[in-house]
Amino acid sequence: MAAGLGIGGLAIAMASKESLENLLGSFTIFFDKPFKVGDIVTLVCVTGFVEKVCFRSTRIRTFDKSIVTVPNKNIISSELDNLGARPCLLYT
């Protein structure tokens, strides 16, 4: 019986691994604030405006007007270019 509970616990842990990674990724986004809603960001293969940051994923509206939902664990583990954080330089 103890072995069965151990195997069951391992199966639950493996099944919830991805959800836990997304939750920890969302905490990192909320506390570190690498971008905010409205910023233009470039991920590995997506460029667009950040529309919504949720606990599981982030929604990005591309320049083609489509919405791409990216899991937060992918945002944290990949390179992110925040084009909205560039300084505005005025040349006269």
PDB file of N, CA and C in Angstrom:
ATOM      1  N   MET A   1       0.823  -1.195   0.000  1.00  0.00           N
ATOM      2  CA  MET A   1       0.000   0.000   0.000  1.00  0.00           C
ATOM      3  C   MET A   1       0.873   1.267   0.000  1.00  0.00           C
ATOM      4  N   ALA A   2       1.945   1.228   0.777  1.00  0.00           N
ATOM      5  CA  ALA A   2       2.844   2.381   0.829  1.00  0.00           C
ATOM      6  C   ALA A   2       3.500   2.608  -0.525  1.00  0.00           C
ATOM      7  N   ALA A   3       3.839   1.521  -1.215  1.00  0.00           N
ATOM      8  CA  ALA A   3       4.440   1.658  -2.541  1.00  0.00           C
ATOM      9  C   ALA A   3       3.436   2.247  -3.527  1.00  0.00           C
ATOM     10  N   GLY A   4       2.183   1.846  -3.410  1.00  0.00           N
ATOM     11  CA  GLY A   4       1.137   2.379  -4.285  1.00  0.00           C
ATOM     12  C   GLY A   4       0.932   3.867  -4.055  1.00  0.00           C
ATOM     13  N   LEU A   5       0.960   4.302  -2.791  1.00  0.00           N
ATOM     14  CA  LEU A   5       0.834   5.724  -2.488  1.00  0.00           C
ATOM     15  C   LEU A   5       2.039   6.512  -2.998  1.00  0.00           C
ATOM     16  N   GLY A   6       3.209   5.905  -2.908  1.00  0.00           N
ATOM     17  CA  GLY A   6       4.416   6.562  -3.405  1.00  0.00           C
ATOM     18  C   GLY A   6       4.373   6.744  -4.915  1.00  0.00           C
ATOM     19  N   ILE A   7       3.917   5.727  -5.610  1.00  0.00           N
ATOM     20  CA  ILE A   7       3.811   5.813  -7.065  1.00  0.00           C
ATOM     21  C   ILE A   7       2.726   6.814  -7.455  1.00  0.00           C
ATOM     22  N   GLY A   8       1.608   6.809  -6.706  1.00  0.00           N
ATOM     23  CA  GLY A   8       0.536   7.781  -6.973  1.00  0.00           C
ATOM     24  C   GLY A   8       1.006   9.208  -6.739  1.00  0.00           C
ATOM     25  N   GLY A   9       1.761   9.421  -5.681  1.00  0.00           N
ATOM     26  CA  GLY A   9       2.306  10.753  -5.401  1.00  0.00           C
ATOM     27  C   GLY A   9       3.280  11.200  -6.470  1.00  0.00           C
ATOM     28  N   LEU A  10       4.073  10.269  -6.967  1.00  0.00           N
ATOM     29  CA  LEU A  10       5.014  10.588  -8.041  1.00  0.00           C
ATOM     30  C   LEU A  10       4.270  10.949  -9.326  1.00  0.00           C
ATOM     31  N   ALA A  11       3.193  10.238  -9.617  1.00  0.00           N
ATOM     32  CA  ALA A  11       2.402  10.534 -10.816  1.00  0.00           C
ATOM     33  C   ALA A  11       1.757  11.917 -10.713  1.00  0.00           C
ATOM     34  N   ILE A  12       1.248  12.267  -9.548  1.00  0.00           N
ATOM     35  CA  ILE A  12       0.649  13.593  -9.358  1.00  0.00           C
ATOM     36  C   ILE A  12       1.716  14.684  -9.470  1.00  0.00           C
ATOM     37  N   ALA A  13       2.882  14.433  -8.913  1.00  0.00           N
ATOM     38  CA  ALA A  13       3.967  15.414  -8.990  1.00  0.00           C
ATOM     39  C   ALA A  13       4.417  15.639 -10.428  1.00  0.00           C
ATOM     40  N   MET A  14       4.498  14.569 -11.194  1.00  0.00           N
ATOM     41  CA  MET A  14       4.900  14.702 -12.595  1.00  0.00           C
ATOM     42  C   MET A  14       3.829  15.422 -13.414  1.00  0.00           C
ATOM     43  N   ALA A  15       2.561  15.172 -13.107  1.00  0.00           N
ATOM     44  CA  ALA A  15       1.468  15.803 -13.845  1.00  0.00           C
ATOM     45  C   ALA A  15       1.374  17.295 -13.534  1.00  0.00           C
ATOM     46  N   SER A  16       1.704  17.686 -12.321  1.00  0.00           N
ATOM     47  CA  SER A  16       1.575  19.093 -11.938  1.00  0.00           C
ATOM     48  C   SER A  16       2.868  19.885 -12.145  1.00  0.00           C
ATOM     49  N   LYS A  17       3.902  19.247 -12.681  1.00  0.00           N
ATOM     50  CA  LYS A  17       5.189  19.911 -12.868  1.00  0.00           C
ATOM     51  C   LYS A  17       5.070  21.126 -13.777  1.00  0.00           C
ATOM     52  N   GLU A  18       4.396  20.982 -14.917  1.00  0.00           N
ATOM     53  CA  GLU A  18       4.284  22.089 -15.865  1.00  0.00           C
ATOM     54  C   GLU A  18       3.448  23.231 -15.297  1.00  0.00           C
ATOM     55  N   SER A  19       2.382  22.922 -14.589  1.00  0.00           N
ATOM     56  CA  SER A  19       1.563  23.966 -13.970  1.00  0.00           C
ATOM     57  C   SER A  19       2.363  24.731 -12.928  1.00  0.00           C
ATOM     58  N   LEU A  20       3.156  24.021 -12.165  1.00  0.00           N
ATOM     59  CA  LEU A  20       3.985  24.670 -11.153  1.00  0.00           C
ATOM     60  C   LEU A  20       5.051  25.560 -11.805  1.00  0.00           C
ATOM     61  N   GLU A  21       5.633  25.094 -12.914  1.00  0.00           N
ATOM     62  CA  GLU A  21       6.623  25.918 -13.616  1.00  0.00           C
ATOM     63  C   GLU A  21       5.988  27.199 -14.143  1.00  0.00           C
ATOM     64  N   ASN A  22       4.770  27.108 -14.703  1.00  0.00           N
ATOM     65  CA  ASN A  22       4.086  28.304 -15.197  1.00  0.00           C
ATOM     66  C   ASN A  22       3.740  29.262 -14.061  1.00  0.00           C
ATOM     67  N   LEU A  23       3.333  28.723 -12.920  1.00  0.00           N
ATOM     68  CA  LEU A  23       3.011  29.558 -11.767  1.00  0.00           C
ATOM     69  C   LEU A  23       4.253  30.282 -11.252  1.00  0.00           C
ATOM     70  N   LEU A  24       5.368  29.577 -11.159  1.00  0.00           N
ATOM     71  CA  LEU A  24       6.611  30.220 -10.719  1.00  0.00           C
ATOM     72  C   LEU A  24       7.094  31.238 -11.753  1.00  0.00           C
ATOM     73  N   GLY A  25       6.881  30.943 -13.033  1.00  0.00           N
ATOM     74  CA  GLY A  25       7.218  31.909 -14.075  1.00  0.00           C
ATOM     75  C   GLY A  25       6.388  33.173 -13.963  1.00  0.00           C
ATOM     76  N   SER A  26       5.098  33.031 -13.622  1.00  0.00           N
ATOM     77  CA  SER A  26       4.249  34.218 -13.472  1.00  0.00           C
ATOM     78  C   SER A  26       4.671  35.044 -12.267  1.00  0.00           C
ATOM     79  N   PHE A  27       5.080  34.396 -11.176  1.00  0.00           N
ATOM     80  CA  PHE A  27       5.589  35.150 -10.025  1.00  0.00           C
ATOM     81  C   PHE A  27       6.843  35.929 -10.410  1.00  0.00           C
ATOM     82  N   THR A  28       7.714  35.313 -11.201  1.00  0.00           N
ATOM     83  CA  THR A  28       8.921  35.998 -11.647  1.00  0.00           C
ATOM     84  C   THR A  28       8.568  37.213 -12.501  1.00  0.00           C
ATOM     85  N   ILE A  29       7.573  37.064 -13.385  1.00  0.00           N
ATOM     86  CA  ILE A  29       7.156  38.189 -14.224  1.00  0.00           C
ATOM     87  C   ILE A  29       6.541  39.293 -13.372  1.00  0.00           C
ATOM     88  N   PHE A  30       5.706  38.933 -12.392  1.00  0.00           N
ATOM     89  CA  PHE A  30       5.051  39.943 -11.563  1.00  0.00           C
ATOM     90  C   PHE A  30       6.045  40.702 -10.687  1.00  0.00           C
ATOM     91  N   PHE A  31       7.071  40.012 -10.164  1.00  0.00           N
ATOM     92  CA  PHE A  31       8.016  40.664  -9.262  1.00  0.00           C
ATOM     93  C   PHE A  31       9.174  41.336 -10.010  1.00  0.00           C
ATOM     94  N   ASP A  32       9.668  40.709 -11.056  1.00  0.00           N
ATOM     95  CA  ASP A  32      10.809  41.250 -11.793  1.00  0.00           C
ATOM     96  C   ASP A  32      10.382  42.327 -12.789  1.00  0.00           C
ATOM     97  N   LYS A  33       9.179  42.234 -13.312  1.00  0.00           N
ATOM     98  CA  LYS A  33       8.592  43.180 -14.264  1.00  0.00           C
ATOM     99  C   LYS A  33       9.510  43.446 -15.470  1.00  0.00           C
ATOM    100  N   PRO A  34       9.802  42.402 -16.262  1.00  0.00           N
ATOM    101  CA  PRO A  34      10.615  42.615 -17.459  1.00  0.00           C
ATOM    102  C   PRO A  34       9.856  43.375 -18.545  1.00  0.00           C
ATOM    103  N   PHE A  35       8.527  43.425 -18.435  1.00  0.00           N
ATOM    104  CA  PHE A  35       7.686  44.166 -19.366  1.00  0.00           C
ATOM    105  C   PHE A  35       6.376  44.482 -18.678  1.00  0.00           C
ATOM    106  N   LYS A  36       5.583  45.373 -19.302  1.00  0.00           N
ATOM    107  CA  LYS A  36       4.260  45.688 -18.768  1.00  0.00           C
ATOM    108  C   LYS A  36       3.252  45.621 -19.911  1.00  0.00           C
ATOM    109  N   VAL A  37       2.003  45.635 -19.591  1.00  0.00           N
ATOM    110  CA  VAL A  37       0.956  45.585 -20.606  1.00  0.00           C
ATOM    111  C   VAL A  37       1.094  46.816 -21.501  1.00  0.00           C
ATOM    112  N   GLY A  38       1.101  46.585 -22.802  1.00  0.00           N
ATOM    113  CA  GLY A  38       1.264  47.670 -23.764  1.00  0.00           C
ATOM    114  C   GLY A  38       2.646  47.747 -24.374  1.00  0.00           C
ATOM    115  N   ASP A  39       3.645  47.107 -23.757  1.00  0.00           N
ATOM    116  CA  ASP A  39       4.998  47.111 -24.304  1.00  0.00           C
ATOM    117  C   ASP A  39       5.063  46.244 -25.557  1.00  0.00           C
ATOM    118  N   ILE A  40       5.963  46.600 -26.447  1.00  0.00           N
ATOM    119  CA  ILE A  40       6.248  45.768 -27.610  1.00  0.00           C
ATOM    120  C   ILE A  40       7.416  44.867 -27.234  1.00  0.00           C
ATOM    121  N   VAL A  41       7.219  43.556 -27.334  1.00  0.00           N
ATOM    122  CA  VAL A  41       8.259  42.605 -26.965  1.00  0.00           C
ATOM    123  C   VAL A  41       8.529  41.664 -28.131  1.00  0.00           C
ATOM    124  N   THR A  42       9.739  41.132 -28.148  1.00  0.00           N
ATOM    125  CA  THR A  42      10.117  40.104 -29.102  1.00  0.00           C
ATOM    126  C   THR A  42      10.607  38.906 -28.316  1.00  0.00           C
ATOM    127  N   LEU A  43       9.939  37.774 -28.515  1.00  0.00           N
ATOM    128  CA  LEU A  43      10.410  36.501 -27.972  1.00  0.00           C
ATOM    129  C   LEU A  43      11.118  35.773 -29.098  1.00  0.00           C
ATOM    130  N   VAL A  44      11.341  34.503 -28.940  1.00  0.00           N
ATOM    131  CA  VAL A  44      12.089  33.744 -29.937  1.00  0.00           C
ATOM    132  C   VAL A  44      11.462  33.868 -31.327  1.00  0.00           C
ATOM    133  N   CYS A  45      10.161  33.702 -31.440  1.00  0.00           N
ATOM    134  CA  CYS A  45       9.531  33.747 -32.764  1.00  0.00           C
ATOM    135  C   CYS A  45       8.277  34.621 -32.787  1.00  0.00           C
ATOM    136  N   VAL A  46       8.053  35.434 -31.762  1.00  0.00           N
ATOM    137  CA  VAL A  46       6.847  36.264 -31.672  1.00  0.00           C
ATOM    138  C   VAL A  46       7.245  37.704 -31.371  1.00  0.00           C
ATOM    139  N   THR A  47       6.663  38.642 -32.129  1.00  0.00           N
ATOM    140  CA  THR A  47       6.834  40.068 -31.854  1.00  0.00           C
ATOM    141  C   THR A  47       5.458  40.704 -31.824  1.00  0.00           C
ATOM    142  N   GLY A  48       5.196  41.477 -30.773  1.00  0.00           N
ATOM    143  CA  GLY A  48       3.912  42.143 -30.685  1.00  0.00           C
ATOM    144  C   GLY A  48       3.738  42.877 -29.379  1.00  0.00           C
ATOM    145  N   PHE A  49       2.508  43.346 -29.152  1.00  0.00           N
ATOM    146  CA  PHE A  49       2.153  44.093 -27.954  1.00  0.00           C
ATOM    147  C   PHE A  49       1.692  43.131 -26.865  1.00  0.00           C
ATOM    148  N   VAL A  50       2.178  43.335 -25.631  1.00  0.00           N
ATOM    149  CA  VAL A  50       1.693  42.542 -24.503  1.00  0.00           C
ATOM    150  C   VAL A  50       0.284  43.007 -24.188  1.00  0.00           C
ATOM    151  N   GLU A  51      -0.664  42.075 -24.233  1.00  0.00           N
ATOM    152  CA  GLU A  51      -2.046  42.429 -23.996  1.00  0.00           C
ATOM    153  C   GLU A  51      -2.514  42.053 -22.594  1.00  0.00           C
ATOM    154  N   LYS A  52      -2.072  40.907 -22.092  1.00  0.00           N
ATOM    155  CA  LYS A  52      -2.527  40.453 -20.783  1.00  0.00           C
ATOM    156  C   LYS A  52      -1.512  39.477 -20.204  1.00  0.00           C
ATOM    157  N   VAL A  53      -1.249  39.617 -18.909  1.00  0.00           N
ATOM    158  CA  VAL A  53      -0.371  38.695 -18.196  1.00  0.00           C
ATOM    159  C   VAL A  53      -1.223  37.955 -17.178  1.00  0.00           C
ATOM    160  N   CYS A  54      -1.321  36.643 -17.322  1.00  0.00           N
ATOM    161  CA  CYS A  54      -2.116  35.802 -16.414  1.00  0.00           C
ATOM    162  C   CYS A  54      -1.173  34.917 -15.608  1.00  0.00           C
ATOM    163  N   PHE A  55      -1.749  34.064 -14.765  1.00  0.00           N
ATOM    164  CA  PHE A  55      -0.923  33.177 -13.945  1.00  0.00           C
ATOM    165  C   PHE A  55      -0.297  32.054 -14.761  1.00  0.00           C
ATOM    166  N   ARG A  56      -0.947  31.611 -15.831  1.00  0.00           N
ATOM    167  CA  ARG A  56      -0.416  30.506 -16.623  1.00  0.00           C
ATOM    168  C   ARG A  56       0.323  30.972 -17.872  1.00  0.00           C
ATOM    169  N   SER A  57      -0.153  32.064 -18.453  1.00  0.00           N
ATOM    170  CA  SER A  57       0.396  32.467 -19.742  1.00  0.00           C
ATOM    171  C   SER A  57       0.310  33.979 -19.919  1.00  0.00           C
ATOM    172  N   THR A  58       0.943  34.445 -20.989  1.00  0.00           N
ATOM    173  CA  THR A  58       0.916  35.851 -21.374  1.00  0.00           C
ATOM    174  C   THR A  58       0.399  35.927 -22.806  1.00  0.00           C
ATOM    175  N   ARG A  59      -0.497  36.875 -23.051  1.00  0.00           N
ATOM    176  CA  ARG A  59      -1.068  37.039 -24.388  1.00  0.00           C
ATOM    177  C   ARG A  59      -0.378  38.199 -25.089  1.00  0.00           C
ATOM    178  N   ILE A  60       0.072  37.924 -26.308  1.00  0.00           N
ATOM    179  CA  ILE A  60       0.763  38.918 -27.120  1.00  0.00           C
ATOM    180  C   ILE A  60      -0.006  39.077 -28.427  1.00  0.00           C
ATOM    181  N   ARG A  61      -0.367  40.324 -28.760  1.00  0.00           N
ATOM    182  CA  ARG A  61      -1.036  40.601 -30.029  1.00  0.00           C
ATOM    183  C   ARG A  61       0.034  40.976 -31.046  1.00  0.00           C
ATOM    184  N   THR A  62       0.119  40.187 -32.097  1.00  0.00           N
ATOM    185  CA  THR A  62       1.137  40.408 -33.123  1.00  0.00           C
ATOM    186  C   THR A  62       0.726  41.569 -34.020  1.00  0.00           C
ATOM    187  N   PHE A  63       1.624  41.963 -34.901  1.00  0.00           N
ATOM    188  CA  PHE A  63       1.331  43.047 -35.832  1.00  0.00           C
ATOM    189  C   PHE A  63       0.335  42.608 -36.899  1.00  0.00           C
ATOM    190  N   ASP A  64       0.113  41.289 -37.019  1.00  0.00           N
ATOM    191  CA  ASP A  64      -0.912  40.756 -37.927  1.00  0.00           C
ATOM    192  C   ASP A  64      -2.280  40.715 -37.263  1.00  0.00           C
ATOM    193  N   LYS A  65      -2.398  41.253 -36.059  1.00  0.00           N
ATOM    194  CA  LYS A  65      -3.633  41.315 -35.269  1.00  0.00           C
ATOM    195  C   LYS A  65      -4.075  39.963 -34.712  1.00  0.00           C
ATOM    196  N   SER A  66      -3.217  38.978 -34.706  1.00  0.00           N
ATOM    197  CA  SER A  66      -3.558  37.713 -34.068  1.00  0.00           C
ATOM    198  C   SER A  66      -3.021  37.705 -32.644  1.00  0.00           C
ATOM    199  N   ILE A  67      -3.592  36.833 -31.810  1.00  0.00           N
ATOM    200  CA  ILE A  67      -3.149  36.730 -30.414  1.00  0.00           C
ATOM    201  C   ILE A  67      -2.375  35.434 -30.252  1.00  0.00           C
ATOM    202  N   VAL A  68      -1.187  35.548 -29.681  1.00  0.00           N
ATOM    203  CA  VAL A  68      -0.356  34.388 -29.388  1.00  0.00           C
ATOM    204  C   VAL A  68      -0.295  34.251 -27.879  1.00  0.00           C
ATOM    205  N   THR A  69      -0.633  33.077 -27.383  1.00  0.00           N
ATOM    206  CA  THR A  69      -0.571  32.802 -25.954  1.00  0.00           C
ATOM    207  C   THR A  69       0.711  32.037 -25.673  1.00  0.00           C
ATOM    208  N   VAL A  70       1.575  32.626 -24.860  1.00  0.00           N
ATOM    209  CA  VAL A  70       2.873  32.040 -24.556  1.00  0.00           C
ATOM    210  C   VAL A  70       2.883  31.633 -23.091  1.00  0.00           C
ATOM    211  N   PRO A  71       3.196  30.366 -22.781  1.00  0.00           N
ATOM    212  CA  PRO A  71       3.309  29.972 -21.371  1.00  0.00           C
ATOM    213  C   PRO A  71       4.400  30.777 -20.670  1.00  0.00           C
ATOM    214  N   ASN A  72       4.142  31.133 -19.424  1.00  0.00           N
ATOM    215  CA  ASN A  72       5.088  31.970 -18.679  1.00  0.00           C
ATOM    216  C   ASN A  72       6.433  31.294 -18.477  1.00  0.00           C
ATOM    217  N   LYS A  73       6.456  29.968 -18.384  1.00  0.00           N
ATOM    218  CA  LYS A  73       7.748  29.288 -18.214  1.00  0.00           C
ATOM    219  C   LYS A  73       8.616  29.476 -19.448  1.00  0.00           C
ATOM    220  N   ASN A  74       8.004  29.593 -20.641  1.00  0.00           N
ATOM    221  CA  ASN A  74       8.775  29.833 -21.864  1.00  0.00           C
ATOM    222  C   ASN A  74       9.311  31.262 -21.906  1.00  0.00           C
ATOM    223  N   ILE A  75       8.558  32.208 -21.372  1.00  0.00           N
ATOM    224  CA  ILE A  75       9.011  33.602 -21.351  1.00  0.00           C
ATOM    225  C   ILE A  75      10.219  33.746 -20.433  1.00  0.00           C
ATOM    226  N   ILE A  76      10.168  33.091 -19.285  1.00  0.00           N
ATOM    227  CA  ILE A  76      11.256  33.197 -18.320  1.00  0.00           C
ATOM    228  C   ILE A  76      12.506  32.483 -18.809  1.00  0.00           C
ATOM    229  N   SER A  77      12.334  31.368 -19.537  1.00  0.00           N
ATOM    230  CA  SER A  77      13.495  30.577 -19.947  1.00  0.00           C
ATOM    231  C   SER A  77      14.082  31.007 -21.285  1.00  0.00           C
ATOM    232  N   SER A  78      13.441  31.944 -21.985  1.00  0.00           N
ATOM    233  CA  SER A  78      13.975  32.364 -23.283  1.00  0.00           C
ATOM    234  C   SER A  78      14.411  33.829 -23.229  1.00  0.00           C
ATOM    235  N   GLU A  79      15.096  34.240 -24.275  1.00  0.00           N
ATOM    236  CA  GLU A  79      15.551  35.628 -24.369  1.00  0.00           C
ATOM    237  C   GLU A  79      14.382  36.519 -24.758  1.00  0.00           C
ATOM    238  N   LEU A  80      14.232  37.622 -24.057  1.00  0.00           N
ATOM    239  CA  LEU A  80      13.133  38.556 -24.300  1.00  0.00           C
ATOM    240  C   LEU A  80      13.715  39.925 -24.601  1.00  0.00           C
ATOM    241  N   ASP A  81      13.264  40.535 -25.695  1.00  0.00           N
ATOM    242  CA  ASP A  81      13.687  41.887 -26.049  1.00  0.00           C
ATOM    243  C   ASP A  81      12.489  42.802 -25.857  1.00  0.00           C
ATOM    244  N   ASN A  82      12.566  43.698 -24.873  1.00  0.00           N
ATOM    245  CA  ASN A  82      11.483  44.631 -24.594  1.00  0.00           C
ATOM    246  C   ASN A  82      11.734  45.897 -25.391  1.00  0.00           C
ATOM    247  N   LEU A  83      11.088  45.992 -26.547  1.00  0.00           N
ATOM    248  CA  LEU A  83      11.269  47.162 -27.403  1.00  0.00           C
ATOM    249  C   LEU A  83      10.604  48.393 -26.821  1.00  0.00           C
ATOM    250  N   GLY A  84       9.626  48.192 -25.931  1.00  0.00           N
ATOM    251  CA  GLY A  84       8.943  49.316 -25.300  1.00  0.00           C
ATOM    252  C   GLY A  84       9.775  50.009 -24.245  1.00  0.00           C
ATOM    253  N   ALA A  85      10.870  49.393 -23.816  1.00  0.00           N
ATOM    254  CA  ALA A  85      11.719  49.981 -22.777  1.00  0.00           C
ATOM    255  C   ALA A  85      12.858  50.815 -23.357  1.00  0.00           C
ATOM    256  N   ARG A  86      12.883  50.973 -24.660  1.00  0.00           N
ATOM    257  CA  ARG A  86      13.931  51.789 -25.267  1.00  0.00           C
ATOM    258  C   ARG A  86      13.728  53.251 -24.915  1.00  0.00           C
ATOM    259  N   PRO A  87      14.803  53.975 -24.684  1.00  0.00           N
ATOM    260  CA  PRO A  87      14.652  55.403 -24.377  1.00  0.00           C
ATOM    261  C   PRO A  87      14.238  56.174 -25.632  1.00  0.00           C
ATOM    262  N   CYS A  88      13.457  57.177 -25.428  1.00  0.00           N
ATOM    263  CA  CYS A  88      13.041  58.051 -26.529  1.00  0.00           C
ATOM    264  C   CYS A  88      14.112  59.128 -26.706  1.00  0.00           C
ATOM    265  N   LEU A  89      14.686  59.173 -27.855  1.00  0.00           N
ATOM    266  CA  LEU A  89      15.706  60.173 -28.148  1.00  0.00           C
ATOM    267  C   LEU A  89      15.145  61.144 -29.166  1.00  0.00           C
ATOM    268  N   LEU A  90      15.182  62.391 -28.828  1.00  0.00           N
ATOM    269  CA  LEU A  90      14.711  63.427 -29.738  1.00  0.00           C
ATOM    270  C   LEU A  90      15.908  64.129 -30.334  1.00  0.00           C
ATOM    271  N   TYR A  91      15.983  64.092 -31.636  1.00  0.00           N
ATOM    272  CA  TYR A  91      17.073  64.766 -32.323  1.00  0.00           C
ATOM    273  C   TYR A  91      16.561  66.070 -32.903  1.00  0.00           C
ATOM    274  N   THR A  92      17.281  67.121 -32.673  1.00  0.00           N
ATOM    275  CA  THR A  92      16.898  68.418 -33.210  1.00  0.00           C
ATOM    276  C   THR A  92      17.907  68.935 -34.188  1.00  0.00           C
TER     277      THR A  92
END
